[in-house]
Amino acid sequence: MNFNEKLINLRKTKGLSQEELGAELKVSRQTISKWESCQSYPDFQRLVLLSDYFGLTLDELVKDIDVQEVREKNMNSEKIDSIYQDVNRAKNIFKWWLIGLGTAAGIVFLLLLYFFIMATFVW
């Protein structure tokens, strides 16, 4: 039995909804749903909490987990996080570049306005 199937069975055996189990573990219902649908896996701290909550050893809880699958999902998650961070960095750089460009354009405009006023009223 895979981890997700085991988690579903354990939760249903206790008569808990995803939301109730999430409240016990201090995670969202969506997190429990992702664990049960194999979209992600709990971190070590949550695995310990799960094993304590259901009265199982960690070995009993995680036995039969495809470790390679967990590694691949974690790598995909890390890649997505890295891409997200890169996009945010690019946004910040672009924002500051626009602020600098806008400031330079404002200074040029004010200088041109100053020379225009000086040329018009001084002459």
PDB file of N, CA and C in Angstrom:
ATOM      1  N   MET A   1       0.846  -1.181   0.000  1.00  0.00           N
ATOM      2  CA  MET A   1       0.000   0.000   0.000  1.00  0.00           C
ATOM      3  C   MET A   1       0.888   1.241   0.000  1.00  0.00           C
ATOM      4  N   ASN A   2       0.585   2.187  -0.844  1.00  0.00           N
ATOM      5  CA  ASN A   2       1.348   3.429  -0.926  1.00  0.00           C
ATOM      6  C   ASN A   2       1.004   4.344   0.250  1.00  0.00           C
ATOM      7  N   PHE A   3       1.875   5.337   0.474  1.00  0.00           N
ATOM      8  CA  PHE A   3       1.664   6.256   1.585  1.00  0.00           C
ATOM      9  C   PHE A   3       0.311   6.945   1.477  1.00  0.00           C
ATOM     10  N   ASN A   4      -0.034   7.426   0.286  1.00  0.00           N
ATOM     11  CA  ASN A   4      -1.292   8.166   0.157  1.00  0.00           C
ATOM     12  C   ASN A   4      -2.490   7.273   0.491  1.00  0.00           C
ATOM     13  N   GLU A   5      -2.459   6.029   0.030  1.00  0.00           N
ATOM     14  CA  GLU A   5      -3.559   5.106   0.332  1.00  0.00           C
ATOM     15  C   GLU A   5      -3.613   4.818   1.829  1.00  0.00           C
ATOM     16  N   LYS A   6      -2.438   4.661   2.426  1.00  0.00           N
ATOM     17  CA  LYS A   6      -2.367   4.401   3.861  1.00  0.00           C
ATOM     18  C   LYS A   6      -2.942   5.586   4.642  1.00  0.00           C
ATOM     19  N   LEU A   7      -2.589   6.801   4.224  1.00  0.00           N
ATOM     20  CA  LEU A   7      -3.080   7.999   4.911  1.00  0.00           C
ATOM     21  C   LEU A   7      -4.595   8.109   4.781  1.00  0.00           C
ATOM     22  N   ILE A   8      -5.119   7.854   3.601  1.00  0.00           N
ATOM     23  CA  ILE A   8      -6.579   7.907   3.400  1.00  0.00           C
ATOM     24  C   ILE A   8      -7.263   6.897   4.315  1.00  0.00           C
ATOM     25  N   ASN A   9      -6.750   5.654   4.341  1.00  0.00           N
ATOM     26  CA  ASN A   9      -7.349   4.614   5.179  1.00  0.00           C
ATOM     27  C   ASN A   9      -7.287   4.977   6.657  1.00  0.00           C
ATOM     28  N   LEU A  10      -6.122   5.474   7.107  1.00  0.00           N
ATOM     29  CA  LEU A  10      -5.983   5.851   8.512  1.00  0.00           C
ATOM     30  C   LEU A  10      -6.944   6.979   8.882  1.00  0.00           C
ATOM     31  N   ARG A  11      -7.036   7.970   8.007  1.00  0.00           N
ATOM     32  CA  ARG A  11      -7.922   9.112   8.276  1.00  0.00           C
ATOM     33  C   ARG A  11      -9.371   8.655   8.338  1.00  0.00           C
ATOM     34  N   LYS A  12      -9.780   7.851   7.364  1.00  0.00           N
ATOM     35  CA  LYS A  12     -11.174   7.393   7.327  1.00  0.00           C
ATOM     36  C   LYS A  12     -11.490   6.442   8.483  1.00  0.00           C
ATOM     37  N   THR A  13     -10.520   5.631   8.886  1.00  0.00           N
ATOM     38  CA  THR A  13     -10.717   4.730  10.015  1.00  0.00           C
ATOM     39  C   THR A  13     -11.019   5.514  11.288  1.00  0.00           C
ATOM     40  N   LYS A  14     -10.356   6.657  11.431  1.00  0.00           N
ATOM     41  CA  LYS A  14     -10.608   7.522  12.590  1.00  0.00           C
ATOM     42  C   LYS A  14     -11.845   8.389  12.397  1.00  0.00           C
ATOM     43  N   GLY A  15     -12.441   8.333  11.198  1.00  0.00           N
ATOM     44  CA  GLY A  15     -13.648   9.125  10.934  1.00  0.00           C
ATOM     45  C   GLY A  15     -13.383  10.610  10.816  1.00  0.00           C
ATOM     46  N   LEU A  16     -12.211  10.945  10.299  1.00  0.00           N
ATOM     47  CA  LEU A  16     -11.826  12.352  10.181  1.00  0.00           C
ATOM     48  C   LEU A  16     -11.976  12.846   8.749  1.00  0.00           C
ATOM     49  N   SER A  17     -12.334  14.102   8.624  1.00  0.00           N
ATOM     50  CA  SER A  17     -12.284  14.744   7.313  1.00  0.00           C
ATOM     51  C   SER A  17     -10.866  15.247   7.088  1.00  0.00           C
ATOM     52  N   GLN A  18     -10.569  15.640   5.859  1.00  0.00           N
ATOM     53  CA  GLN A  18      -9.250  16.215   5.585  1.00  0.00           C
ATOM     54  C   GLN A  18      -9.039  17.469   6.426  1.00  0.00           C
ATOM     55  N   GLU A  19     -10.086  18.245   6.583  1.00  0.00           N
ATOM     56  CA  GLU A  19      -9.983  19.481   7.348  1.00  0.00           C
ATOM     57  C   GLU A  19      -9.683  19.194   8.824  1.00  0.00           C
ATOM     58  N   GLU A  20     -10.338  18.173   9.377  1.00  0.00           N
ATOM     59  CA  GLU A  20     -10.107  17.835  10.786  1.00  0.00           C
ATOM     60  C   GLU A  20      -8.686  17.323  11.003  1.00  0.00           C
ATOM     61  N   LEU A  21      -8.205  16.472  10.102  1.00  0.00           N
ATOM     62  CA  LEU A  21      -6.829  15.987  10.220  1.00  0.00           C
ATOM     63  C   LEU A  21      -5.842  17.135  10.057  1.00  0.00           C
ATOM     64  N   GLY A  22      -6.130  18.024   9.113  1.00  0.00           N
ATOM     65  CA  GLY A  22      -5.273  19.195   8.920  1.00  0.00           C
ATOM     66  C   GLY A  22      -5.198  20.051  10.171  1.00  0.00           C
ATOM     67  N   ALA A  23      -6.332  20.227  10.850  1.00  0.00           N
ATOM     68  CA  ALA A  23      -6.354  21.016  12.088  1.00  0.00           C
ATOM     69  C   ALA A  23      -5.498  20.350  13.169  1.00  0.00           C
ATOM     70  N   GLU A  24      -5.537  19.036  13.240  1.00  0.00           N
ATOM     71  CA  GLU A  24      -4.725  18.305  14.219  1.00  0.00           C
ATOM     72  C   GLU A  24      -3.233  18.492  13.965  1.00  0.00           C
ATOM     73  N   LEU A  25      -2.864  18.547  12.681  1.00  0.00           N
ATOM     74  CA  LEU A  25      -1.449  18.639  12.313  1.00  0.00           C
ATOM     75  C   LEU A  25      -0.992  20.067  12.048  1.00  0.00           C
ATOM     76  N   LYS A  26      -1.912  21.016  12.171  1.00  0.00           N
ATOM     77  CA  LYS A  26      -1.619  22.443  11.921  1.00  0.00           C
ATOM     78  C   LYS A  26      -1.216  22.689  10.464  1.00  0.00           C
ATOM     79  N   VAL A  27      -1.939  22.029   9.542  1.00  0.00           N
ATOM     80  CA  VAL A  27      -1.768  22.269   8.112  1.00  0.00           C
ATOM     81  C   VAL A  27      -3.161  22.462   7.508  1.00  0.00           C
ATOM     82  N   SER A  28      -3.207  22.926   6.288  1.00  0.00           N
ATOM     83  CA  SER A  28      -4.499  23.177   5.645  1.00  0.00           C
ATOM     84  C   SER A  28      -5.115  21.892   5.099  1.00  0.00           C
ATOM     85  N   ARG A  29      -6.397  21.956   4.816  1.00  0.00           N
ATOM     86  CA  ARG A  29      -7.088  20.840   4.182  1.00  0.00           C
ATOM     87  C   ARG A  29      -6.465  20.541   2.833  1.00  0.00           C
ATOM     88  N   GLN A  30      -6.041  21.600   2.128  1.00  0.00           N
ATOM     89  CA  GLN A  30      -5.425  21.423   0.814  1.00  0.00           C
ATOM     90  C   GLN A  30      -4.118  20.628   0.917  1.00  0.00           C
ATOM     91  N   THR A  31      -3.375  20.840   1.995  1.00  0.00           N
ATOM     92  CA  THR A  31      -2.137  20.092   2.190  1.00  0.00           C
ATOM     93  C   THR A  31      -2.427  18.612   2.357  1.00  0.00           C
ATOM     94  N   ILE A  32      -3.426  18.291   3.176  1.00  0.00           N
ATOM     95  CA  ILE A  32      -3.822  16.886   3.355  1.00  0.00           C
ATOM     96  C   ILE A  32      -4.259  16.304   2.020  1.00  0.00           C
ATOM     97  N   SER A  33      -5.014  17.074   1.252  1.00  0.00           N
ATOM     98  CA  SER A  33      -5.471  16.625  -0.061  1.00  0.00           C
ATOM     99  C   SER A  33      -4.295  16.331  -0.982  1.00  0.00           C
ATOM    100  N   LYS A  34      -3.269  17.186  -0.964  1.00  0.00           N
ATOM    101  CA  LYS A  34      -2.087  16.963  -1.797  1.00  0.00           C
ATOM    102  C   LYS A  34      -1.339  15.709  -1.375  1.00  0.00           C
ATOM    103  N   TRP A  35      -1.264  15.463  -0.071  1.00  0.00           N
ATOM    104  CA  TRP A  35      -0.611  14.245   0.406  1.00  0.00           C
ATOM    105  C   TRP A  35      -1.376  13.016  -0.074  1.00  0.00           C
ATOM    106  N   GLU A  36      -2.711  13.093   0.019  1.00  0.00           N
ATOM    107  CA  GLU A  36      -3.534  11.945  -0.346  1.00  0.00           C
ATOM    108  C   GLU A  36      -3.600  11.712  -1.849  1.00  0.00           C
ATOM    109  N   SER A  37      -3.348  12.745  -2.632  1.00  0.00           N
ATOM    110  CA  SER A  37      -3.382  12.591  -4.088  1.00  0.00           C
ATOM    111  C   SER A  37      -1.976  12.452  -4.684  1.00  0.00           C
ATOM    112  N   CYS A  38      -0.983  12.271  -3.841  1.00  0.00           N
ATOM    113  CA  CYS A  38       0.420  12.108  -4.259  1.00  0.00           C
ATOM    114  C   CYS A  38       0.986  13.329  -4.966  1.00  0.00           C
ATOM    115  N   GLN A  39       0.442  14.504  -4.721  1.00  0.00           N
ATOM    116  CA  GLN A  39       1.010  15.717  -5.310  1.00  0.00           C
ATOM    117  C   GLN A  39       2.200  16.213  -4.506  1.00  0.00           C
ATOM    118  N   SER A  40       2.228  15.865  -3.224  1.00  0.00           N
ATOM    119  CA  SER A  40       3.367  16.211  -2.375  1.00  0.00           C
ATOM    120  C   SER A  40       3.405  15.230  -1.214  1.00  0.00           C
ATOM    121  N   TYR A  41       4.476  15.320  -0.414  1.00  0.00           N
ATOM    122  CA  TYR A  41       4.635  14.456   0.742  1.00  0.00           C
ATOM    123  C   TYR A  41       4.912  15.325   1.962  1.00  0.00           C
ATOM    124  N   PRO A  42       4.523  14.846   3.129  1.00  0.00           N
ATOM    125  CA  PRO A  42       4.800  15.624   4.340  1.00  0.00           C
ATOM    126  C   PRO A  42       6.289  15.679   4.643  1.00  0.00           C
ATOM    127  N   ASP A  43       6.700  16.764   5.282  1.00  0.00           N
ATOM    128  CA  ASP A  43       8.091  16.840   5.723  1.00  0.00           C
ATOM    129  C   ASP A  43       8.274  15.931   6.940  1.00  0.00           C
ATOM    130  N   PHE A  44       9.504  15.815   7.395  1.00  0.00           N
ATOM    131  CA  PHE A  44       9.809  14.871   8.469  1.00  0.00           C
ATOM    132  C   PHE A  44       9.026  15.191   9.744  1.00  0.00           C
ATOM    133  N   GLN A  45       8.934  16.466  10.078  1.00  0.00           N
ATOM    134  CA  GLN A  45       8.218  16.872  11.289  1.00  0.00           C
ATOM    135  C   GLN A  45       6.762  16.423  11.217  1.00  0.00           C
ATOM    136  N   ARG A  46       6.130  16.610  10.071  1.00  0.00           N
ATOM    137  CA  ARG A  46       4.730  16.201   9.905  1.00  0.00           C
ATOM    138  C   ARG A  46       4.592  14.678   9.912  1.00  0.00           C
ATOM    139  N   LEU A  47       5.587  13.968   9.370  1.00  0.00           N
ATOM    140  CA  LEU A  47       5.551  12.507   9.425  1.00  0.00           C
ATOM    141  C   LEU A  47       5.571  12.018  10.866  1.00  0.00           C
ATOM    142  N   VAL A  48       6.402  12.656  11.702  1.00  0.00           N
ATOM    143  CA  VAL A  48       6.453  12.286  13.113  1.00  0.00           C
ATOM    144  C   VAL A  48       5.108  12.568  13.773  1.00  0.00           C
ATOM    145  N   LEU A  49       4.527  13.725  13.486  1.00  0.00           N
ATOM    146  CA  LEU A  49       3.210  14.057  14.057  1.00  0.00           C
ATOM    147  C   LEU A  49       2.146  13.055  13.604  1.00  0.00           C
ATOM    148  N   LEU A  50       2.183  12.697  12.306  1.00  0.00           N
ATOM    149  CA  LEU A  50       1.235  11.706  11.794  1.00  0.00           C
ATOM    150  C   LEU A  50       1.408  10.363  12.494  1.00  0.00           C
ATOM    151  N   SER A  51       2.643   9.914  12.640  1.00  0.00           N
ATOM    152  CA  SER A  51       2.869   8.612  13.269  1.00  0.00           C
ATOM    153  C   SER A  51       2.406   8.634  14.724  1.00  0.00           C
ATOM    154  N   ASP A  52       2.677   9.725  15.435  1.00  0.00           N
ATOM    155  CA  ASP A  52       2.205   9.843  16.816  1.00  0.00           C
ATOM    156  C   ASP A  52       0.680   9.872  16.869  1.00  0.00           C
ATOM    157  N   TYR A  53       0.075  10.647  15.986  1.00  0.00           N
ATOM    158  CA  TYR A  53      -1.382  10.799  15.994  1.00  0.00           C
ATOM    159  C   TYR A  53      -2.080   9.461  15.746  1.00  0.00           C
ATOM    160  N   PHE A  54      -1.569   8.682  14.799  1.00  0.00           N
ATOM    161  CA  PHE A  54      -2.200   7.408  14.466  1.00  0.00           C
ATOM    162  C   PHE A  54      -1.634   6.231  15.261  1.00  0.00           C
ATOM    163  N   GLY A  55      -0.659   6.497  16.151  1.00  0.00           N
ATOM    164  CA  GLY A  55      -0.098   5.451  16.987  1.00  0.00           C
ATOM    165  C   GLY A  55       0.712   4.422  16.214  1.00  0.00           C
ATOM    166  N   LEU A  56       1.425   4.889  15.220  1.00  0.00           N
ATOM    167  CA  LEU A  56       2.257   4.014  14.394  1.00  0.00           C
ATOM    168  C   LEU A  56       3.711   4.422  14.524  1.00  0.00           C
ATOM    169  N   THR A  57       4.604   3.487  14.232  1.00  0.00           N
ATOM    170  CA  THR A  57       6.007   3.871  14.121  1.00  0.00           C
ATOM    171  C   THR A  57       6.188   4.547  12.759  1.00  0.00           C
ATOM    172  N   LEU A  58       7.272   5.279  12.618  1.00  0.00           N
ATOM    173  CA  LEU A  58       7.550   5.901  11.318  1.00  0.00           C
ATOM    174  C   LEU A  58       7.684   4.841  10.240  1.00  0.00           C
ATOM    175  N   ASP A  59       8.309   3.721  10.589  1.00  0.00           N
ATOM    176  CA  ASP A  59       8.480   2.637   9.625  1.00  0.00           C
ATOM    177  C   ASP A  59       7.124   2.118   9.143  1.00  0.00           C
ATOM    178  N   GLU A  60       6.207   1.920  10.071  1.00  0.00           N
ATOM    179  CA  GLU A  60       4.874   1.446   9.683  1.00  0.00           C
ATOM    180  C   GLU A  60       4.162   2.466   8.798  1.00  0.00           C
ATOM    181  N   LEU A  61       4.354   3.725   9.117  1.00  0.00           N
ATOM    182  CA  LEU A  61       3.670   4.778   8.368  1.00  0.00           C
ATOM    183  C   LEU A  61       4.208   4.925   6.952  1.00  0.00           C
ATOM    184  N   VAL A  62       5.530   4.870   6.797  1.00  0.00           N
ATOM    185  CA  VAL A  62       6.113   5.182   5.490  1.00  0.00           C
ATOM    186  C   VAL A  62       6.573   3.966   4.709  1.00  0.00           C
ATOM    187  N   LYS A  63       6.437   2.778   5.275  1.00  0.00           N
ATOM    188  CA  LYS A  63       6.869   1.580   4.557  1.00  0.00           C
ATOM    189  C   LYS A  63       6.162   1.499   3.209  1.00  0.00           C
ATOM    190  N   ASP A  64       6.859   1.049   2.216  1.00  0.00           N
ATOM    191  CA  ASP A  64       6.364   0.886   0.845  1.00  0.00           C
ATOM    192  C   ASP A  64       6.310   2.184   0.057  1.00  0.00           C
ATOM    193  N   ILE A  65       6.889   3.261   0.581  1.00  0.00           N
ATOM    194  CA  ILE A  65       6.926   4.508  -0.183  1.00  0.00           C
ATOM    195  C   ILE A  65       8.011   4.385  -1.244  1.00  0.00           C
ATOM    196  N   ASP A  66       7.695   4.791  -2.448  1.00  0.00           N
ATOM    197  CA  ASP A  66       8.668   4.799  -3.529  1.00  0.00           C
ATOM    198  C   ASP A  66       9.569   6.019  -3.337  1.00  0.00           C
ATOM    199  N   VAL A  67      10.758   5.783  -2.798  1.00  0.00           N
ATOM    200  CA  VAL A  67      11.676   6.871  -2.457  1.00  0.00           C
ATOM    201  C   VAL A  67      12.055   7.682  -3.694  1.00  0.00           C
ATOM    202  N   GLN A  68      12.239   7.021  -4.823  1.00  0.00           N
ATOM    203  CA  GLN A  68      12.605   7.730  -6.047  1.00  0.00           C
ATOM    204  C   GLN A  68      11.499   8.705  -6.455  1.00  0.00           C
ATOM    205  N   GLU A  69      10.258   8.288  -6.289  1.00  0.00           N
ATOM    206  CA  GLU A  69       9.128   9.167  -6.620  1.00  0.00           C
ATOM    207  C   GLU A  69       9.130  10.401  -5.719  1.00  0.00           C
ATOM    208  N   VAL A  70       9.399  10.202  -4.430  1.00  0.00           N
ATOM    209  CA  VAL A  70       9.475  11.326  -3.495  1.00  0.00           C
ATOM    210  C   VAL A  70      10.592  12.278  -3.902  1.00  0.00           C
ATOM    211  N   ARG A  71      11.755  11.715  -4.261  1.00  0.00           N
ATOM    212  CA  ARG A  71      12.879  12.561  -4.690  1.00  0.00           C
ATOM    213  C   ARG A  71      12.512  13.380  -5.921  1.00  0.00           C
ATOM    214  N   GLU A  72      11.868  12.735  -6.890  1.00  0.00           N
ATOM    215  CA  GLU A  72      11.487  13.444  -8.122  1.00  0.00           C
ATOM    216  C   GLU A  72      10.489  14.553  -7.829  1.00  0.00           C
ATOM    217  N   LYS A  73       9.512  14.288  -6.985  1.00  0.00           N
ATOM    218  CA  LYS A  73       8.535  15.320  -6.642  1.00  0.00           C
ATOM    219  C   LYS A  73       9.197  16.474  -5.908  1.00  0.00           C
ATOM    220  N   ASN A  74      10.127  16.157  -5.003  1.00  0.00           N
ATOM    221  CA  ASN A  74      10.843  17.216  -4.289  1.00  0.00           C
ATOM    222  C   ASN A  74      11.696  18.030  -5.243  1.00  0.00           C
ATOM    223  N   MET A  75      12.352  17.365  -6.208  1.00  0.00           N
ATOM    224  CA  MET A  75      13.162  18.089  -7.182  1.00  0.00           C
ATOM    225  C   MET A  75      12.285  19.001  -8.026  1.00  0.00           C
ATOM    226  N   ASN A  76      11.117  18.513  -8.451  1.00  0.00           N
ATOM    227  CA  ASN A  76      10.198  19.349  -9.220  1.00  0.00           C
ATOM    228  C   ASN A  76       9.752  20.542  -8.402  1.00  0.00           C
ATOM    229  N   SER A  77       9.452  20.319  -7.142  1.00  0.00           N
ATOM    230  CA  SER A  77       9.033  21.400  -6.266  1.00  0.00           C
ATOM    231  C   SER A  77      10.154  22.421  -6.099  1.00  0.00           C
ATOM    232  N   GLU A  78      11.395  21.936  -5.928  1.00  0.00           N
ATOM    233  CA  GLU A  78      12.535  22.837  -5.785  1.00  0.00           C
ATOM    234  C   GLU A  78      12.763  23.632  -7.062  1.00  0.00           C
ATOM    235  N   LYS A  79      12.590  22.986  -8.218  1.00  0.00           N
ATOM    236  CA  LYS A  79      12.748  23.701  -9.493  1.00  0.00           C
ATOM    237  C   LYS A  79      11.703  24.792  -9.625  1.00  0.00           C
ATOM    238  N   ILE A  80      10.462  24.478  -9.275  1.00  0.00           N
ATOM    239  CA  ILE A  80       9.387  25.471  -9.361  1.00  0.00           C
ATOM    240  C   ILE A  80       9.674  26.625  -8.417  1.00  0.00           C
ATOM    241  N   ASP A  81      10.109  26.319  -7.184  1.00  0.00           N
ATOM    242  CA  ASP A  81      10.456  27.376  -6.232  1.00  0.00           C
ATOM    243  C   ASP A  81      11.591  28.247  -6.768  1.00  0.00           C
ATOM    244  N   SER A  82      12.586  27.613  -7.383  1.00  0.00           N
ATOM    245  CA  SER A  82      13.711  28.354  -7.942  1.00  0.00           C
ATOM    246  C   SER A  82      13.256  29.274  -9.072  1.00  0.00           C
ATOM    247  N   ILE A  83      12.403  28.762  -9.938  1.00  0.00           N
ATOM    248  CA  ILE A  83      11.879  29.574 -11.041  1.00  0.00           C
ATOM    249  C   ILE A  83      11.080  30.743 -10.483  1.00  0.00           C
ATOM    250  N   TYR A  84      10.244  30.489  -9.484  1.00  0.00           N
ATOM    251  CA  TYR A  84       9.440  31.537  -8.866  1.00  0.00           C
ATOM    252  C   TYR A  84      10.330  32.625  -8.266  1.00  0.00           C
ATOM    253  N   GLN A  85      11.401  32.207  -7.580  1.00  0.00           N
ATOM    254  CA  GLN A  85      12.331  33.182  -7.003  1.00  0.00           C
ATOM    255  C   GLN A  85      13.035  33.983  -8.093  1.00  0.00           C
ATOM    256  N   ASP A  86      13.423  33.329  -9.186  1.00  0.00           N
ATOM    257  CA  ASP A  86      14.065  34.029 -10.299  1.00  0.00           C
ATOM    258  C   ASP A  86      13.133  35.061 -10.912  1.00  0.00           C
ATOM    259  N   VAL A  87      11.879  34.705 -11.078  1.00  0.00           N
ATOM    260  CA  VAL A  87      10.898  35.635 -11.645  1.00  0.00           C
ATOM    261  C   VAL A  87      10.725  36.827 -10.715  1.00  0.00           C
ATOM    262  N   ASN A  88      10.651  36.579  -9.412  1.00  0.00           N
ATOM    263  CA  ASN A  88      10.512  37.690  -8.463  1.00  0.00           C
ATOM    264  C   ASN A  88      11.734  38.598  -8.476  1.00  0.00           C
ATOM    265  N   ARG A  89      12.926  38.008  -8.588  1.00  0.00           N
ATOM    266  CA  ARG A  89      14.139  38.826  -8.684  1.00  0.00           C
ATOM    267  C   ARG A  89      14.110  39.689  -9.942  1.00  0.00           C
ATOM    268  N   ALA A  90      13.703  39.087 -11.062  1.00  0.00           N
ATOM    269  CA  ALA A  90      13.626  39.830 -12.326  1.00  0.00           C
ATOM    270  C   ALA A  90      12.604  40.958 -12.216  1.00  0.00           C
ATOM    271  N   LYS A  91      11.485  40.695 -11.561  1.00  0.00           N
ATOM    272  CA  LYS A  91      10.473  41.746 -11.370  1.00  0.00           C
ATOM    273  C   LYS A  91      11.055  42.902 -10.564  1.00  0.00           C
ATOM    274  N   ASN A  92      11.782  42.586  -9.505  1.00  0.00           N
ATOM    275  CA  ASN A  92      12.367  43.642  -8.680  1.00  0.00           C
ATOM    276  C   ASN A  92      13.405  44.442  -9.451  1.00  0.00           C
ATOM    277  N   ILE A  93      14.244  43.766 -10.201  1.00  0.00           N
ATOM    278  CA  ILE A  93      15.244  44.463 -11.008  1.00  0.00           C
ATOM    279  C   ILE A  93      14.563  45.367 -12.018  1.00  0.00           C
ATOM    280  N   PHE A  94      13.550  44.826 -12.692  1.00  0.00           N
ATOM    281  CA  PHE A  94      12.831  45.613 -13.693  1.00  0.00           C
ATOM    282  C   PHE A  94      12.138  46.797 -13.034  1.00  0.00           C
ATOM    283  N   LYS A  95      11.546  46.602 -11.857  1.00  0.00           N
ATOM    284  CA  LYS A  95      10.865  47.693 -11.149  1.00  0.00           C
ATOM    285  C   LYS A  95      11.853  48.810 -10.833  1.00  0.00           C
ATOM    286  N   TRP A  96      13.032  48.461 -10.295  1.00  0.00           N
ATOM    287  CA  TRP A  96      14.013  49.481  -9.947  1.00  0.00           C
ATOM    288  C   TRP A  96      14.597  50.136 -11.192  1.00  0.00           C
ATOM    289  N   TRP A  97      14.721  49.372 -12.268  1.00  0.00           N
ATOM    290  CA  TRP A  97      15.189  49.940 -13.520  1.00  0.00           C
ATOM    291  C   TRP A  97      14.181  50.982 -14.026  1.00  0.00           C
ATOM    292  N   LEU A  98      12.886  50.647 -13.956  1.00  0.00           N
ATOM    293  CA  LEU A  98      11.852  51.605 -14.374  1.00  0.00           C
ATOM    294  C   LEU A  98      11.833  52.842 -13.485  1.00  0.00           C
ATOM    295  N   ILE A  99      12.014  52.642 -12.182  1.00  0.00           N
ATOM    296  CA  ILE A  99      12.050  53.793 -11.269  1.00  0.00           C
ATOM    297  C   ILE A  99      13.233  54.697 -11.626  1.00  0.00           C
ATOM    298  N   GLY A 100      14.385  54.079 -11.869  1.00  0.00           N
ATOM    299  CA  GLY A 100      15.568  54.869 -12.249  1.00  0.00           C
ATOM    300  C   GLY A 100      15.358  55.592 -13.566  1.00  0.00           C
ATOM    301  N   LEU A 101      14.803  54.898 -14.549  1.00  0.00           N
ATOM    302  CA  LEU A 101      14.535  55.502 -15.848  1.00  0.00           C
ATOM    303  C   LEU A 101      13.526  56.640 -15.725  1.00  0.00           C
ATOM    304  N   GLY A 102      12.491  56.403 -14.919  1.00  0.00           N
ATOM    305  CA  GLY A 102      11.480  57.455 -14.700  1.00  0.00           C
ATOM    306  C   GLY A 102      12.069  58.668 -14.011  1.00  0.00           C
ATOM    307  N   THR A 103      12.944  58.442 -13.051  1.00  0.00           N
ATOM    308  CA  THR A 103      13.598  59.551 -12.356  1.00  0.00           C
ATOM    309  C   THR A 103      14.485  60.335 -13.313  1.00  0.00           C
ATOM    310  N   ALA A 104      15.261  59.612 -14.133  1.00  0.00           N
ATOM    311  CA  ALA A 104      16.121  60.285 -15.108  1.00  0.00           C
ATOM    312  C   ALA A 104      15.281  61.088 -16.099  1.00  0.00           C
ATOM    313  N   ALA A 105      14.187  60.504 -16.576  1.00  0.00           N
ATOM    314  CA  ALA A 105      13.320  61.219 -17.519  1.00  0.00           C
ATOM    315  C   ALA A 105      12.716  62.453 -16.857  1.00  0.00           C
ATOM    316  N   GLY A 106      12.342  62.338 -15.593  1.00  0.00           N
ATOM    317  CA  GLY A 106      11.791  63.486 -14.864  1.00  0.00           C
ATOM    318  C   GLY A 106      12.812  64.606 -14.724  1.00  0.00           C
ATOM    319  N   ILE A 107      14.049  64.250 -14.446  1.00  0.00           N
ATOM    320  CA  ILE A 107      15.107  65.257 -14.316  1.00  0.00           C
ATOM    321  C   ILE A 107      15.353  65.947 -15.649  1.00  0.00           C
ATOM    322  N   VAL A 108      15.410  65.169 -16.724  1.00  0.00           N
ATOM    323  CA  VAL A 108      15.604  65.745 -18.062  1.00  0.00           C
ATOM    324  C   VAL A 108      14.445  66.676 -18.392  1.00  0.00           C
ATOM    325  N   PHE A 109      13.224  66.261 -18.084  1.00  0.00           N
ATOM    326  CA  PHE A 109      12.050  67.110 -18.349  1.00  0.00           C
ATOM    327  C   PHE A 109      12.136  68.412 -17.566  1.00  0.00           C
ATOM    328  N   LEU A 110      12.497  68.315 -16.290  1.00  0.00           N
ATOM    329  CA  LEU A 110      12.603  69.532 -15.479  1.00  0.00           C
ATOM    330  C   LEU A 110      13.708  70.454 -15.990  1.00  0.00           C
ATOM    331  N   LEU A 111      14.823  69.891 -16.428  1.00  0.00           N
ATOM    332  CA  LEU A 111      15.897  70.713 -16.985  1.00  0.00           C
ATOM    333  C   LEU A 111      15.452  71.407 -18.269  1.00  0.00           C
ATOM    334  N   LEU A 112      14.767  70.662 -19.140  1.00  0.00           N
ATOM    335  CA  LEU A 112      14.264  71.273 -20.371  1.00  0.00           C
ATOM    336  C   LEU A 112      13.253  72.369 -20.062  1.00  0.00           C
ATOM    337  N   LEU A 113      12.388  72.108 -19.097  1.00  0.00           N
ATOM    338  CA  LEU A 113      11.404  73.117 -18.705  1.00  0.00           C
ATOM    339  C   LEU A 113      12.114  74.350 -18.146  1.00  0.00           C
ATOM    340  N   TYR A 114      13.132  74.149 -17.330  1.00  0.00           N
ATOM    341  CA  TYR A 114      13.895  75.253 -16.763  1.00  0.00           C
ATOM    342  C   TYR A 114      14.544  76.084 -17.876  1.00  0.00           C
ATOM    343  N   PHE A 115      15.213  75.419 -18.845  1.00  0.00           N
ATOM    344  CA  PHE A 115      15.851  76.152 -19.937  1.00  0.00           C
ATOM    345  C   PHE A 115      14.832  76.859 -20.815  1.00  0.00           C
ATOM    346  N   PHE A 116      13.690  76.245 -21.024  1.00  0.00           N
ATOM    347  CA  PHE A 116      12.632  76.874 -21.818  1.00  0.00           C
ATOM    348  C   PHE A 116      12.126  78.132 -21.117  1.00  0.00           C
ATOM    349  N   ILE A 117      11.887  78.032 -19.819  1.00  0.00           N
ATOM    350  CA  ILE A 117      11.396  79.198 -19.060  1.00  0.00           C
ATOM    351  C   ILE A 117      12.466  80.284 -19.038  1.00  0.00           C
ATOM    352  N   MET A 118      13.705  79.883 -18.808  1.00  0.00           N
ATOM    353  CA  MET A 118      14.781  80.879 -18.785  1.00  0.00           C
ATOM    354  C   MET A 118      14.932  81.553 -20.142  1.00  0.00           C
ATOM    355  N   ALA A 119      14.828  80.785 -21.208  1.00  0.00           N
ATOM    356  CA  ALA A 119      14.988  81.345 -22.555  1.00  0.00           C
ATOM    357  C   ALA A 119      13.806  82.280 -22.883  1.00  0.00           C
ATOM    358  N   THR A 120      12.635  81.930 -22.405  1.00  0.00           N
ATOM    359  CA  THR A 120      11.450  82.724 -22.737  1.00  0.00           C
ATOM    360  C   THR A 120      11.415  84.016 -21.934  1.00  0.00           C
ATOM    361  N   PHE A 121      11.663  83.963 -20.653  1.00  0.00           N
ATOM    362  CA  PHE A 121      11.490  85.142 -19.808  1.00  0.00           C
ATOM    363  C   PHE A 121      12.758  85.982 -19.635  1.00  0.00           C
ATOM    364  N   VAL A 122      13.908  85.391 -19.785  1.00  0.00           N
ATOM    365  CA  VAL A 122      15.136  86.144 -19.602  1.00  0.00           C
ATOM    366  C   VAL A 122      15.448  86.928 -20.860  1.00  0.00           C
ATOM    367  N   TRP A 123      15.166  86.394 -22.017  1.00  0.00           N
ATOM    368  CA  TRP A 123      15.500  87.076 -23.261  1.00  0.00           C
ATOM    369  C   TRP A 123      14.508  88.136 -23.480  1.00  0.00           C
TER     370      TRP A 123
END
